[in-house]
Protein backbone atom coordinates (compact mmCIF):
# COMPACT_ATOMS: atom_id res chain seq x y z
CA MET A 1 97.45 102.38 115.95
CA ALA A 2 94.08 100.58 115.89
CA ARG A 3 94.68 99.21 119.39
CA ALA A 4 93.62 102.30 121.29
CA VAL A 5 90.67 103.35 119.16
CA ARG A 6 87.32 102.12 118.05
CA PRO A 7 88.08 101.06 114.48
CA VAL A 8 85.59 102.29 111.93
CA ALA A 9 85.43 101.43 108.25
CA ARG A 10 85.70 104.34 105.86
CA PRO A 11 82.19 104.85 104.46
CA GLU A 12 83.35 105.11 100.86
CA ILE A 13 84.88 101.61 100.89
CA VAL A 14 82.77 99.29 98.73
CA SER A 15 82.34 95.74 100.01
CA THR A 16 81.23 92.87 97.79
CA PRO A 17 80.79 89.22 98.82
CA LEU A 18 82.78 86.72 96.77
CA ASP A 19 81.92 83.13 97.69
CA ASP A 20 82.84 82.94 101.40
CA ASP A 21 85.19 85.91 101.19
CA LEU A 22 84.64 89.65 101.06
CA VAL A 23 86.25 92.01 98.56
CA LEU A 24 86.87 95.59 99.68
CA TYR A 25 87.42 98.26 97.04
CA ASP A 26 88.78 101.72 97.74
CA PRO A 27 87.60 104.04 94.94
CA GLN A 28 90.13 106.72 95.95
CA THR A 29 93.14 104.46 95.37
CA SER A 30 91.57 101.90 93.00
CA LEU A 31 92.93 99.15 95.26
CA ALA A 32 91.00 96.01 96.13
CA PHE A 33 91.52 93.71 99.10
CA GLU A 34 90.12 90.23 99.70
CA LEU A 35 89.24 89.12 103.21
CA ASN A 36 88.62 85.54 104.26
CA PRO A 37 85.49 84.83 106.36
CA THR A 38 87.28 85.68 109.62
CA GLY A 39 88.60 88.95 108.18
CA ALA A 40 85.13 89.72 106.83
CA ARG A 41 83.67 89.26 110.31
CA ILE A 42 86.28 91.59 111.79
CA TRP A 43 85.50 94.13 109.06
CA ALA A 44 81.78 93.94 109.90
CA LEU A 45 82.56 94.64 113.56
CA CYS A 46 84.65 97.74 112.71
CA ASP A 47 81.67 100.04 112.98
CA GLY A 48 83.13 102.50 115.49
CA SER A 49 81.12 101.17 118.41
CA ARG A 50 83.65 98.62 119.69
CA MET A 51 87.19 98.72 120.96
CA VAL A 52 89.65 96.25 119.44
CA THR A 53 89.44 94.21 122.65
CA ALA A 54 85.66 93.88 122.28
CA ILE A 55 86.02 92.80 118.65
CA ALA A 56 88.55 90.19 119.77
CA GLY A 57 86.14 88.97 122.43
CA GLU A 58 83.39 88.46 119.86
CA LEU A 59 85.79 86.79 117.45
CA GLY A 60 87.11 84.48 120.16
CA ALA A 61 83.62 83.45 121.18
CA LEU A 62 82.55 82.87 117.58
CA TYR A 63 85.57 80.77 116.59
CA GLY A 64 86.56 79.26 119.94
CA LEU A 65 89.86 81.13 120.11
CA GLY A 66 91.76 81.98 123.25
CA ARG A 67 91.64 85.61 124.33
CA GLU A 68 95.29 86.36 123.49
CA GLN A 69 95.14 84.68 120.08
CA ALA A 70 91.94 86.51 119.13
CA LEU A 71 93.38 89.82 120.33
CA THR A 72 96.59 89.30 118.35
CA ASP A 73 94.64 88.39 115.20
CA VAL A 74 92.30 91.38 115.46
CA ARG A 75 95.12 93.81 116.24
CA GLU A 76 97.17 92.60 113.27
CA LEU A 77 94.30 92.88 110.80
CA ALA A 78 93.09 96.23 112.19
CA ASP A 79 96.63 97.61 111.98
CA GLU A 80 96.96 96.37 108.37
CA MET A 81 93.59 97.87 107.44
CA CYS A 82 94.66 101.19 108.98
CA GLN A 83 97.95 101.15 107.06
CA VAL A 84 96.23 100.65 103.70
CA GLY A 85 93.55 103.23 104.48
CA LEU A 86 90.47 101.02 104.87
CA LEU A 87 89.72 102.32 108.36
CA ALA A 88 89.06 105.93 109.23
């Protein structure tokens, strides 16, 4: 689902840093999600201006990941965030 679009975070999702992680809270469902630093970086890049492939490119460059590994990681997290309603 998130593969062919420019993922964008729903504006009503509240994000709060927690040590090195990031907690996302959805006030509509009262659900909270905790992202590790890598997930938090992906979340920050889901601003609607980048395709999943571009996010993966930035992630790969930042963490020294191969293109395919970065793309797989970003796709999996973006798909999960779509499924739980964090992305518009």
